[in-house]
């Protein structure tokens, strides 16, 4: 989640309150899906070796 820092910073300067919270939740959801996909891909590559 180190790469997420620029996202948090841009979020803070643009909006506050509910919108920021909704964006935060949306981002977390997308990050989880992304991590799952990456883990699955890495596992597949590991099996092929």
C-alpha atoms as a PDB file:
ATOM      1  CA  UNK A   1       0.000   0.000   0.000  1.00  0.00           C
ATOM      2  CA  UNK A   2       3.015   2.308  -0.220  1.00  0.00           C
ATOM      3  CA  UNK A   3       1.887   3.243  -3.728  1.00  0.00           C
ATOM      4  CA  UNK A   4      -1.419   4.453  -2.284  1.00  0.00           C
ATOM      5  CA  UNK A   5       0.143   7.482  -0.561  1.00  0.00           C
ATOM      6  CA  UNK A   6      -0.167   9.860  -3.561  1.00  0.00           C
ATOM      7  CA  UNK A   7      -3.822   8.827  -3.747  1.00  0.00           C
ATOM      8  CA  UNK A   8      -4.459   9.773  -0.109  1.00  0.00           C
ATOM      9  CA  UNK A   9      -2.702  13.120  -0.556  1.00  0.00           C
ATOM     10  CA  UNK A  10      -4.696  14.037  -3.654  1.00  0.00           C
ATOM     11  CA  UNK A  11      -7.889  12.944  -1.918  1.00  0.00           C
ATOM     12  CA  UNK A  12      -7.224  15.218   1.069  1.00  0.00           C
ATOM     13  CA  UNK A  13      -6.637  18.349  -1.002  1.00  0.00           C
ATOM     14  CA  UNK A  14      -9.692  17.881  -3.232  1.00  0.00           C
ATOM     15  CA  UNK A  15     -12.449  16.801  -0.880  1.00  0.00           C
ATOM     16  CA  UNK A  16     -13.421  16.209   2.713  1.00  0.00           C
ATOM     17  CA  UNK A  17     -16.129  14.404   4.636  1.00  0.00           C
ATOM     18  CA  UNK A  18     -18.448  11.834   3.129  1.00  0.00           C
ATOM     19  CA  UNK A  19     -17.074  11.983  -0.415  1.00  0.00           C
ATOM     20  CA  UNK A  20     -13.573  11.262   0.814  1.00  0.00           C
ATOM     21  CA  UNK A  21     -14.836   8.373   2.911  1.00  0.00           C
ATOM     22  CA  UNK A  22     -16.741   6.891  -0.036  1.00  0.00           C
ATOM     23  CA  UNK A  23     -13.678   7.226  -2.259  1.00  0.00           C
ATOM     24  CA  UNK A  24     -11.593   5.612   0.463  1.00  0.00           C
ATOM     25  CA  UNK A  25     -13.935   2.621   0.678  1.00  0.00           C
ATOM     26  CA  UNK A  26     -14.082   2.333  -3.109  1.00  0.00           C
ATOM     27  CA  UNK A  27     -10.296   2.451  -3.291  1.00  0.00           C
ATOM     28  CA  UNK A  28      -9.944  -0.228  -0.603  1.00  0.00           C
ATOM     29  CA  UNK A  29     -12.342  -2.501  -2.476  1.00  0.00           C
ATOM     30  CA  UNK A  30     -10.425  -2.033  -5.737  1.00  0.00           C
ATOM     31  CA  UNK A  31      -7.105  -2.576  -3.960  1.00  0.00           C
ATOM     32  CA  UNK A  32      -8.332  -5.866  -2.494  1.00  0.00           C
ATOM     33  CA  UNK A  33      -9.472  -7.115  -5.896  1.00  0.00           C
ATOM     34  CA  UNK A  34      -6.173  -6.023  -7.437  1.00  0.00           C
ATOM     35  CA  UNK A  35      -4.156  -7.803  -4.734  1.00  0.00           C
ATOM     36  CA  UNK A  36      -6.168 -10.986  -5.210  1.00  0.00           C
ATOM     37  CA  UNK A  37      -5.590 -10.896  -8.966  1.00  0.00           C
ATOM     38  CA  UNK A  38      -1.862 -10.287  -8.517  1.00  0.00           C
ATOM     39  CA  UNK A  39      -1.551 -13.107  -5.976  1.00  0.00           C
ATOM     40  CA  UNK A  40      -3.388 -15.474  -8.301  1.00  0.00           C
ATOM     41  CA  UNK A  41      -1.159 -14.508 -11.224  1.00  0.00           C
ATOM     42  CA  UNK A  42       2.010 -14.977  -9.172  1.00  0.00           C
ATOM     43  CA  UNK A  43       0.801 -18.378  -7.971  1.00  0.00           C
ATOM     44  CA  UNK A  44       0.162 -19.404 -11.571  1.00  0.00           C
ATOM     45  CA  UNK A  45       3.636 -18.260 -12.631  1.00  0.00           C
ATOM     46  CA  UNK A  46       5.145 -20.137  -9.680  1.00  0.00           C
ATOM     47  CA  UNK A  47       3.479 -23.368 -10.760  1.00  0.00           C
ATOM     48  CA  UNK A  48       4.739 -23.051 -14.330  1.00  0.00           C
ATOM     49  CA  UNK A  49       8.400 -22.829 -13.281  1.00  0.00           C
END
